[in-house]
Amino acid sequence: MGACREFAFAILLPLFTTNVAGVYVEALVSNAGGTPQSLVVEPQVAMKCGFLNMHVNLSSGRWLPDKGSGGGGCVTEKLDVLQYCRKTYPDLQITNIVESSEAVKIKSWCHIGRRKCASSHVVTPYRCLVGPFQSDPLLVPEHCVFDHIHDAGKCMLFVDWQRKVNRSCATRGKVLNNFGMLLSCGVDMFSGVEFVCCPPAEGEVVAGVDAEEVQREEAEEDEYFHSSTMDKEHADFHAAERRLEEKHQEKVTHVMKKWSDMEEQYQNMKTKDTKAAEKFKKDMTKVFQKTVAALEENWVESKKHLIDVHQERVQRKLTAQKATAMENYLEAIKQTPALEHHVLKALRKYVKTEERDRKHTISHYRHLVNTDPAAAARLHAGAIAHLHEIDGRVNQSIALLHRIPAVEQSILPRLGKLVSSKYCSRRAEHTAQTG
């Protein structure tokens, strides 16, 4: 067990926070360093493919490249962004992330592999939220209207709420002025939004959106996104995947039928006016190519969105389970006297929960290797880091047995097969599994 103690600390984790049914659960003690009562500069991070990650320096308020760790690449997973926030601001109690409602121009981006940092790019950064989630106050200019949408049964990504409020303002003949999230329900996921709609500026054209059309589109949205239960998450996800595939095939079939009809029309025109027929075919080919490209782009985006929501839900459920298991384990250790069978049972349950997290991480990575190699390559470093974190948490949970030496002497030999073989040598194993 000597190797297993290399990660032992007096406190298992600085903070183990999740949001379950709108209630924050803190399974362990708060960050020893505490959280500043007020921050003049908000912690933010920004990522761009091919460049080192950027973060806001809390002292100067300037955007700085992350040269120290060589952090860079295409970070797209929400949990990876949250992890990066916590790594960048270790003294803050970062509990969630949310995309900024406005894009910003950041200077001094560093190309990976180059010394000069002189590129400027407009990006949408992530805000690293400190402490329990609080909605942002919104100003309501004159002649503007304030509104909010809250649905406890929905847990949607930031971009989905943004799209929803844009359309809501458009149905009123107005434009979106500002908006903010309400009630966090996961990593960059929320169950409500508040927003301000204003009359368009002089000369500004508002794209007409019919309210009935909006309602029809929302009705066509898959039932998976409206479900708040996670009892059968994997089964529900795979069912949603099948429905998405079927809808995509229906659209492809519809487009191909249209192409067949146009081909028939072209052949008929050819017998009467060859020149007009060729022009018709050329124009229709362009339209067809654009339609197919848009269809495929929408398919990829829809599938990624489905996977993102599924990943967040699974991770949220696992985090809640680990928090509960750790609370039970700590309670078993605190008992006077500590009962050996209670401690062993609680520890085993916690370890098994971490193991489910491990299996899900590896399974998700392997799935991406087979379906989206580029996404798998971007996720690789984050997946390895996450697996290392699981190792560290398990080893640290075992280290807590030092508080009860008598029970520790009896339990450690019985943990040999469960922990030594699975975790102390896991670093080499999971590298092979995901490599």
Protein backbone atom coordinates (compact mmCIF):
# COMPACT_ATOMS: atom_id res chain seq x y z
CA MET A 1 0.00 0.00 0.00
CA GLY A 2 3.08 2.30 0.14
CA ALA A 3 2.64 3.51 -3.42
CA CYS A 4 -0.99 4.22 -2.75
CA ARG A 5 -0.11 6.77 -0.05
CA GLU A 6 1.82 9.12 -2.32
CA PHE A 7 -1.28 11.30 -2.73
CA ALA A 8 -2.27 11.29 0.95
CA PHE A 9 -3.38 14.65 2.39
CA ALA A 10 -5.00 15.73 5.63
CA ILE A 11 -8.09 16.79 3.70
CA LEU A 12 -9.41 14.61 0.90
CA LEU A 13 -10.61 17.33 -1.46
CA PRO A 14 -10.74 21.12 -1.19
CA LEU A 15 -14.31 21.14 -2.41
CA PHE A 16 -16.71 18.57 -3.80
CA THR A 17 -19.66 20.58 -5.08
CA THR A 18 -22.56 19.67 -7.31
CA ASN A 19 -25.99 21.01 -7.99
CA VAL A 20 -28.81 18.54 -7.46
CA ALA A 21 -32.42 19.73 -7.82
CA GLY A 22 -31.16 23.29 -7.40
CA VAL A 23 -29.44 22.62 -4.04
CA TYR A 24 -25.68 22.80 -3.65
CA VAL A 25 -24.17 19.85 -1.82
CA GLU A 26 -20.81 20.36 -0.19
CA ALA A 27 -19.51 16.93 0.71
CA LEU A 28 -16.33 18.16 2.31
CA VAL A 29 -14.99 21.20 4.07
CA SER A 30 -14.72 24.46 2.14
CA ASN A 31 -11.54 25.59 0.46
CA ALA A 32 -8.99 26.17 3.22
CA GLY A 33 -7.84 29.36 1.55
CA GLY A 34 -11.35 30.73 1.49
CA THR A 35 -13.00 32.80 -1.20
CA PRO A 36 -12.47 36.54 -1.45
CA GLN A 37 -15.61 38.39 -0.42
CA SER A 38 -15.45 40.56 -3.52
CA LEU A 39 -13.51 40.47 -6.76
CA VAL A 40 -12.77 43.66 -8.66
CA VAL A 41 -11.92 41.64 -11.78
CA GLU A 42 -13.97 38.62 -12.77
CA PRO A 43 -12.00 35.41 -13.44
CA GLN A 44 -12.33 34.42 -17.10
CA VAL A 45 -10.63 32.05 -19.52
CA ALA A 46 -10.56 31.87 -23.31
CA MET A 47 -9.54 29.13 -25.73
CA LYS A 48 -8.78 29.08 -29.45
CA CYS A 49 -7.57 26.16 -31.53
CA GLY A 50 -3.84 26.31 -32.24
CA PHE A 51 -3.11 28.91 -29.54
CA LEU A 52 -2.17 28.83 -25.87
CA ASN A 53 -5.14 29.26 -23.54
CA MET A 54 -5.71 32.75 -22.14
CA HIS A 55 -6.89 33.91 -18.72
CA VAL A 56 -7.60 37.21 -16.97
CA ASN A 57 -5.00 38.27 -14.41
CA LEU A 58 -6.99 39.25 -11.32
CA SER A 59 -4.46 41.89 -10.26
CA SER A 60 -4.07 43.76 -13.54
CA GLY A 61 -7.28 42.78 -15.34
CA ARG A 62 -5.22 41.94 -18.44
CA TRP A 63 -5.56 38.83 -20.60
CA LEU A 64 -2.44 36.67 -20.31
CA PRO A 65 -1.38 33.50 -22.16
CA ASP A 66 -0.92 30.31 -20.16
CA LYS A 67 2.76 29.79 -20.96
CA GLY A 68 3.63 27.95 -17.77
CA SER A 69 1.76 24.72 -18.48
CA GLY A 70 1.80 24.98 -22.25
CA GLY A 71 -1.97 24.79 -22.07
CA GLY A 72 -3.57 24.97 -25.46
CA GLY A 73 -5.49 23.14 -28.12
CA CYS A 74 -9.19 22.97 -28.88
CA VAL A 75 -10.92 22.74 -25.51
CA THR A 76 -14.61 22.13 -26.19
CA GLU A 77 -15.75 19.91 -23.31
CA LYS A 78 -17.51 21.95 -20.63
CA LEU A 79 -16.00 19.90 -17.80
CA ASP A 80 -12.52 20.54 -19.21
CA VAL A 81 -13.21 24.29 -19.18
CA LEU A 82 -14.38 24.07 -15.56
CA GLN A 83 -11.28 22.08 -14.66
CA TYR A 84 -9.08 24.67 -16.38
CA CYS A 85 -10.79 27.49 -14.42
CA ARG A 86 -10.07 25.71 -11.13
CA LYS A 87 -6.48 25.07 -12.14
CA THR A 88 -5.96 28.69 -13.22
CA TYR A 89 -7.54 30.19 -10.09
CA PRO A 90 -6.68 27.66 -7.34
CA ASP A 91 -7.40 30.11 -4.51
CA LEU A 92 -10.98 30.67 -5.61
CA GLN A 93 -13.96 28.42 -5.01
CA ILE A 94 -14.90 27.95 -8.69
CA THR A 95 -18.22 26.10 -8.81
CA ASN A 96 -19.37 26.53 -12.42
CA ILE A 97 -18.76 28.22 -15.76
CA VAL A 98 -20.93 30.20 -18.13
CA GLU A 99 -20.17 31.60 -21.55
CA SER A 100 -19.98 35.37 -21.72
CA SER A 101 -22.97 37.01 -23.39
CA GLU A 102 -20.59 39.16 -25.46
CA ALA A 103 -17.55 38.42 -27.59
CA VAL A 104 -14.32 40.27 -26.79
CA LYS A 105 -11.18 41.08 -28.73
CA ILE A 106 -8.10 39.65 -27.03
CA LYS A 107 -4.57 40.58 -28.04
CA SER A 108 -1.26 38.77 -27.60
CA TRP A 109 -2.44 35.26 -28.46
CA CYS A 110 0.49 32.84 -28.65
CA HIS A 111 0.64 30.34 -31.49
CA ILE A 112 1.54 26.93 -30.09
CA GLY A 113 5.17 26.24 -30.98
CA ARG A 114 6.05 29.88 -31.72
CA ARG A 115 7.77 32.43 -29.52
CA LYS A 116 6.02 35.57 -30.73
CA CYS A 117 2.63 36.37 -29.17
CA ALA A 118 1.12 39.06 -31.36
CA SER A 119 -2.15 37.67 -32.73
CA SER A 120 -5.49 39.33 -31.99
CA HIS A 121 -8.73 37.38 -32.13
CA VAL A 122 -12.37 37.98 -31.23
CA VAL A 123 -13.66 35.14 -29.05
CA THR A 124 -16.41 34.42 -26.55
CA PRO A 125 -14.70 33.74 -23.22
CA TYR A 126 -15.94 31.63 -20.33
CA ARG A 127 -16.66 33.25 -16.97
CA CYS A 128 -15.39 31.20 -14.02
CA LEU A 129 -18.17 31.50 -11.43
CA VAL A 130 -17.12 31.83 -7.79
CA GLY A 131 -19.26 30.39 -4.98
CA PRO A 132 -22.98 29.60 -5.22
CA PHE A 133 -24.52 30.69 -8.52
CA GLN A 134 -26.09 34.15 -8.59
CA SER A 135 -27.90 35.61 -11.59
CA ASP A 136 -26.54 38.84 -13.06
CA PRO A 137 -28.52 42.07 -12.56
CA LEU A 138 -29.79 43.44 -15.86
CA LEU A 139 -30.34 47.08 -16.76
CA VAL A 140 -33.61 47.88 -18.55
CA PRO A 141 -33.22 50.94 -20.81
CA GLU A 142 -36.17 53.20 -21.57
CA HIS A 143 -38.76 51.71 -23.98
CA CYS A 144 -37.33 48.23 -23.39
CA VAL A 145 -39.06 45.30 -21.71
CA PHE A 146 -37.78 42.83 -19.15
CA ASP A 147 -38.89 39.19 -19.17
CA HIS A 148 -37.79 35.80 -17.93
CA ILE A 149 -38.34 32.16 -18.79
CA HIS A 150 -38.09 29.49 -16.11
CA ASP A 151 -38.85 25.81 -16.54
CA ALA A 152 -37.69 23.50 -13.75
CA GLY A 153 -38.20 20.57 -16.11
CA LYS A 154 -35.60 21.90 -18.56
CA CYS A 155 -31.83 21.93 -18.10
CA MET A 156 -30.36 23.56 -21.20
CA LEU A 157 -27.00 24.80 -22.39
CA PHE A 158 -26.18 28.51 -22.46
CA VAL A 159 -26.31 28.60 -26.28
CA ASP A 160 -29.80 27.08 -26.30
CA TRP A 161 -31.17 29.74 -23.94
CA GLN A 162 -29.44 32.42 -26.01
CA ARG A 163 -31.15 31.15 -29.15
CA LYS A 164 -34.48 30.98 -27.31
CA VAL A 165 -34.41 34.58 -26.02
CA ASN A 166 -33.25 35.91 -29.39
CA ARG A 167 -36.32 34.38 -30.99
CA SER A 168 -38.56 35.53 -28.13
CA CYS A 169 -37.51 39.15 -28.71
CA ALA A 170 -37.91 38.74 -32.48
CA THR A 171 -41.53 37.57 -32.11
CA ARG A 172 -42.23 40.95 -30.45
CA GLY A 173 -40.54 42.90 -33.22
CA LYS A 174 -37.65 43.76 -30.89
CA VAL A 175 -33.98 42.85 -30.56
CA LEU A 176 -32.19 41.22 -27.64
CA ASN A 177 -30.38 43.83 -25.55
CA ASN A 178 -28.98 41.68 -22.74
CA PHE A 179 -29.64 38.43 -20.92
CA GLY A 180 -28.46 36.37 -17.96
CA MET A 181 -28.84 32.81 -16.76
CA LEU A 182 -31.11 31.72 -13.92
CA LEU A 183 -30.81 28.66 -11.65
CA SER A 184 -27.75 26.59 -12.49
CA CYS A 185 -28.50 22.89 -13.00
CA GLY A 186 -25.14 21.64 -14.28
CA VAL A 187 -21.86 22.67 -15.90
CA ASP A 188 -22.78 25.61 -18.16
CA MET A 189 -26.39 24.42 -18.01
CA PHE A 190 -29.36 26.30 -16.60
CA SER A 191 -33.09 25.93 -16.08
CA GLY A 192 -34.02 29.53 -16.79
CA VAL A 193 -33.02 32.85 -18.30
CA GLU A 194 -33.91 36.53 -17.84
CA PHE A 195 -33.57 38.96 -20.70
CA VAL A 196 -34.23 42.48 -21.99
CA CYS A 197 -35.78 43.21 -25.40
CA CYS A 198 -35.46 46.67 -26.96
CA PRO A 199 -36.89 48.36 -30.05
CA PRO A 200 -34.53 48.08 -33.02
CA ALA A 201 -32.28 51.02 -33.84
CA GLU A 202 -33.30 53.27 -36.69
CA GLY A 203 -32.70 51.46 -39.96
CA GLU A 204 -32.14 48.11 -38.22
CA VAL A 205 -34.16 45.28 -39.72
CA VAL A 206 -35.56 42.61 -37.40
CA ALA A 207 -35.94 39.23 -39.05
CA GLY A 208 -39.59 38.28 -38.79
CA VAL A 209 -40.28 35.26 -36.62
CA ASP A 210 -43.76 33.84 -36.34
CA ALA A 211 -44.78 32.85 -32.81
CA GLU A 212 -46.54 29.75 -34.13
CA GLU A 213 -43.36 28.75 -35.95
CA VAL A 214 -41.38 29.05 -32.70
CA GLN A 215 -43.92 26.92 -30.87
CA ARG A 216 -43.82 24.33 -33.66
CA GLU A 217 -40.02 24.14 -33.55
CA GLU A 218 -40.06 23.73 -29.77
CA ALA A 219 -42.68 21.00 -30.08
CA GLU A 220 -40.42 19.17 -32.58
CA GLU A 221 -37.48 19.29 -30.16
CA ASP A 222 -36.72 15.81 -28.91
CA GLU A 223 -38.38 14.79 -25.65
CA TYR A 224 -34.95 13.94 -24.25
CA PHE A 225 -34.18 17.65 -23.76
CA HIS A 226 -37.42 18.19 -21.86
CA SER A 227 -36.81 15.34 -19.41
CA SER A 228 -35.56 16.22 -15.92
CA THR A 229 -35.14 12.64 -14.70
CA MET A 230 -31.84 10.77 -15.00
CA ASP A 231 -33.03 7.37 -13.77
CA LYS A 232 -32.54 5.81 -17.22
CA GLU A 233 -30.09 8.30 -18.66
CA HIS A 234 -28.12 5.92 -20.91
CA ALA A 235 -31.25 4.26 -22.31
CA ASP A 236 -32.91 7.64 -22.87
CA PHE A 237 -29.79 8.97 -24.58
CA HIS A 238 -29.52 6.02 -26.97
CA ALA A 239 -33.23 6.31 -27.77
CA ALA A 240 -32.75 10.01 -28.53
CA GLU A 241 -29.77 9.11 -30.74
CA ARG A 242 -31.94 6.72 -32.75
CA ARG A 243 -34.69 9.31 -33.14
CA LEU A 244 -32.15 11.90 -34.27
CA GLU A 245 -30.75 9.46 -36.83
CA GLU A 246 -34.25 8.69 -38.12
CA LYS A 247 -35.11 12.39 -38.49
CA HIS A 248 -31.85 12.98 -40.32
CA GLN A 249 -32.56 10.11 -42.71
CA GLU A 250 -36.05 11.48 -43.35
CA LYS A 251 -34.56 14.85 -44.29
CA VAL A 252 -31.95 13.23 -46.53
CA THR A 253 -34.65 11.17 -48.26
CA HIS A 254 -36.74 14.30 -48.76
CA VAL A 255 -33.80 16.17 -50.33
CA MET A 256 -32.96 13.25 -52.60
CA LYS A 257 -36.58 13.06 -53.77
CA LYS A 258 -36.49 16.76 -54.59
CA TRP A 259 -33.29 16.20 -56.56
CA SER A 260 -34.94 13.35 -58.44
CA ASP A 261 -37.90 15.59 -59.28
CA MET A 262 -35.57 18.33 -60.51
CA GLU A 263 -33.67 15.82 -62.64
CA GLU A 264 -36.94 14.75 -64.22
CA GLN A 265 -37.85 18.40 -64.82
CA TYR A 266 -34.42 18.96 -66.40
CA GLN A 267 -34.91 16.06 -68.81
CA ASN A 268 -38.31 17.46 -69.85
CA MET A 269 -36.84 20.94 -70.38
CA LYS A 270 -33.96 19.52 -72.39
CA THR A 271 -36.27 18.37 -75.17
CA LYS A 272 -37.67 21.90 -75.59
CA ASP A 273 -34.85 24.34 -74.69
CA THR A 274 -31.37 22.88 -74.15
CA LYS A 275 -29.78 26.18 -73.08
CA ALA A 276 -32.47 26.94 -70.48
CA ALA A 277 -32.29 23.35 -69.28
CA GLU A 278 -28.53 23.51 -68.69
CA LYS A 279 -28.87 26.78 -66.81
CA PHE A 280 -31.64 25.25 -64.70
CA LYS A 281 -29.45 22.23 -63.91
CA LYS A 282 -26.47 24.42 -63.01
CA ASP A 283 -28.55 26.58 -60.68
CA MET A 284 -30.31 23.61 -59.10
CA THR A 285 -26.99 21.78 -58.57
CA LYS A 286 -25.68 24.74 -56.59
CA VAL A 287 -28.85 24.83 -54.50
CA PHE A 288 -28.67 21.08 -53.95
CA GLN A 289 -25.04 21.20 -52.86
CA LYS A 290 -25.74 24.03 -50.40
CA THR A 291 -28.77 22.17 -49.04
CA VAL A 292 -26.80 18.96 -48.50
CA ALA A 293 -23.93 20.85 -46.86
CA ALA A 294 -26.35 22.66 -44.51
CA LEU A 295 -28.09 19.38 -43.73
CA GLU A 296 -24.83 17.69 -42.80
CA GLU A 297 -23.69 20.68 -40.75
CA ASN A 298 -26.97 20.67 -38.84
CA TRP A 299 -26.66 16.90 -38.32
CA VAL A 300 -23.15 17.22 -36.83
CA GLU A 301 -24.19 20.14 -34.62
CA SER A 302 -27.34 18.34 -33.40
CA LYS A 303 -25.43 15.18 -32.57
CA LYS A 304 -22.72 17.10 -30.72
CA HIS A 305 -25.38 18.97 -28.76
CA LEU A 306 -27.05 15.69 -27.78
CA ILE A 307 -23.73 14.20 -26.65
CA ASP A 308 -22.80 17.35 -24.70
CA VAL A 309 -26.08 17.26 -22.76
CA HIS A 310 -25.71 13.53 -22.11
CA GLN A 311 -22.13 13.93 -20.90
CA GLU A 312 -23.11 16.73 -18.54
CA ARG A 313 -26.06 14.77 -17.12
CA VAL A 314 -23.98 11.65 -16.52
CA GLN A 315 -21.20 13.65 -14.87
CA ARG A 316 -23.73 15.54 -12.74
CA LYS A 317 -25.27 12.27 -11.56
CA LEU A 318 -21.87 10.73 -10.82
CA THR A 319 -20.74 13.83 -8.93
CA ALA A 320 -23.88 13.75 -6.80
CA GLN A 321 -23.40 10.04 -6.09
CA LYS A 322 -19.75 10.59 -5.15
CA ALA A 323 -20.70 13.48 -2.86
CA THR A 324 -23.27 11.32 -1.06
CA ALA A 325 -20.88 8.36 -0.83
CA MET A 326 -18.14 10.56 0.57
CA GLU A 327 -20.48 12.09 3.16
CA ASN A 328 -21.43 8.60 4.31
CA TYR A 329 -17.78 7.55 4.44
CA LEU A 330 -16.80 10.58 6.53
CA GLU A 331 -19.71 9.94 8.89
CA ALA A 332 -18.58 6.33 9.32
CA ILE A 333 -15.04 7.49 10.18
CA LYS A 334 -16.33 10.07 12.70
CA GLN A 335 -18.38 7.53 14.64
CA THR A 336 -17.17 6.81 18.17
CA PRO A 337 -16.09 4.12 18.13
CA ALA A 338 -15.69 3.70 14.37
CA LEU A 339 -17.32 0.44 13.28
CA GLU A 340 -15.10 -1.52 10.94
CA HIS A 341 -17.86 -2.98 8.76
CA HIS A 342 -19.54 0.44 8.37
CA VAL A 343 -16.28 2.08 7.33
CA LEU A 344 -15.40 -0.70 4.89
CA LYS A 345 -18.87 -0.71 3.33
CA ALA A 346 -18.88 3.10 2.90
CA LEU A 347 -15.35 3.15 1.45
CA ARG A 348 -16.14 0.38 -1.03
CA LYS A 349 -19.26 2.22 -2.19
CA TYR A 350 -17.28 5.40 -2.74
CA VAL A 351 -14.54 3.56 -4.67
CA LYS A 352 -17.14 1.83 -6.86
CA THR A 353 -18.70 5.20 -7.68
CA GLU A 354 -15.31 6.52 -8.77
CA GLU A 355 -14.86 3.36 -10.84
CA ARG A 356 -18.13 4.08 -12.67
CA ASP A 357 -16.75 7.53 -13.47
CA ARG A 358 -13.58 5.90 -14.82
CA LYS A 359 -15.48 3.46 -17.02
CA HIS A 360 -17.72 6.22 -18.39
CA THR A 361 -14.73 8.45 -19.22
CA ILE A 362 -12.93 5.64 -21.08
CA SER A 363 -16.12 4.53 -22.83
CA HIS A 364 -16.87 8.08 -23.99
CA TYR A 365 -13.32 8.52 -25.28
CA ARG A 366 -13.40 5.22 -27.19
CA HIS A 367 -16.75 6.17 -28.69
CA LEU A 368 -15.24 9.41 -29.98
CA VAL A 369 -12.23 7.56 -31.39
CA ASN A 370 -14.62 5.54 -33.55
CA THR A 371 -17.07 8.33 -34.45
CA ASP A 372 -15.12 11.61 -34.28
CA PRO A 373 -11.31 11.15 -34.20
CA ALA A 374 -10.68 14.90 -34.18
CA ALA A 375 -12.84 15.36 -31.06
CA ALA A 376 -11.11 12.35 -29.46
CA ALA A 377 -7.71 13.94 -30.08
CA ARG A 378 -8.87 17.17 -28.42
CA LEU A 379 -10.27 15.25 -25.45
CA HIS A 380 -7.27 12.94 -24.95
CA ALA A 381 -5.25 15.10 -22.54
CA GLY A 382 -8.36 16.02 -20.54
CA ALA A 383 -9.44 12.37 -20.29
CA ILE A 384 -6.03 11.30 -19.00
CA ALA A 385 -6.03 14.17 -16.48
CA HIS A 386 -9.53 13.20 -15.30
CA LEU A 387 -8.43 9.58 -14.79
CA HIS A 388 -5.42 10.76 -12.79
CA GLU A 389 -7.77 12.82 -10.62
CA ILE A 390 -9.87 9.73 -9.94
CA ASP A 391 -6.71 7.90 -8.83
CA GLY A 392 -5.80 10.76 -6.54
CA ARG A 393 -9.25 10.92 -4.94
CA VAL A 394 -9.35 7.17 -4.28
CA ASN A 395 -5.86 7.16 -2.79
CA GLN A 396 -6.70 10.16 -0.63
CA SER A 397 -9.90 8.51 0.59
CA ILE A 398 -7.82 5.55 1.76
CA ALA A 399 -5.40 7.94 3.49
CA LEU A 400 -8.28 9.10 5.70
CA LEU A 401 -8.11 5.72 7.44
CA HIS A 402 -5.03 7.06 9.25
CA ARG A 403 -7.47 8.82 11.57
CA ILE A 404 -8.62 5.45 12.91
CA PRO A 405 -5.42 3.32 13.18
CA ALA A 406 -7.11 0.29 14.72
CA VAL A 407 -9.65 0.03 11.92
CA GLU A 408 -6.99 0.86 9.32
CA GLN A 409 -4.83 -2.12 10.31
CA SER A 410 -7.78 -4.44 9.83
CA ILE A 411 -9.17 -2.88 6.64
CA LEU A 412 -6.02 -2.27 4.58
CA PRO A 413 -5.24 -5.95 3.94
CA ARG A 414 -8.82 -6.47 2.77
CA LEU A 415 -8.51 -3.52 0.40
CA GLY A 416 -5.45 -4.96 -1.28
CA LYS A 417 -7.23 -6.52 -4.23
CA LEU A 418 -9.78 -3.74 -4.56
CA VAL A 419 -7.31 -0.86 -4.57
CA SER A 420 -3.71 -1.93 -5.13
CA SER A 421 -4.33 -3.75 -8.38
CA LYS A 422 -6.91 -1.29 -9.66
CA TYR A 423 -5.50 2.08 -8.72
CA CYS A 424 -1.82 2.15 -7.80
CA SER A 425 -0.83 0.81 -11.23
CA ARG A 426 -3.74 2.39 -13.10
CA ARG A 427 -1.69 5.29 -14.43
CA ALA A 428 0.04 3.04 -16.95
CA GLU A 429 -3.15 1.08 -17.68
CA HIS A 430 -5.45 4.01 -18.50
CA THR A 431 -2.76 5.58 -20.70
CA ALA A 432 -2.83 2.42 -22.80
CA GLN A 433 -6.62 2.28 -22.75
CA THR A 434 -7.11 5.79 -24.07
CA GLY A 435 -3.93 6.14 -26.12
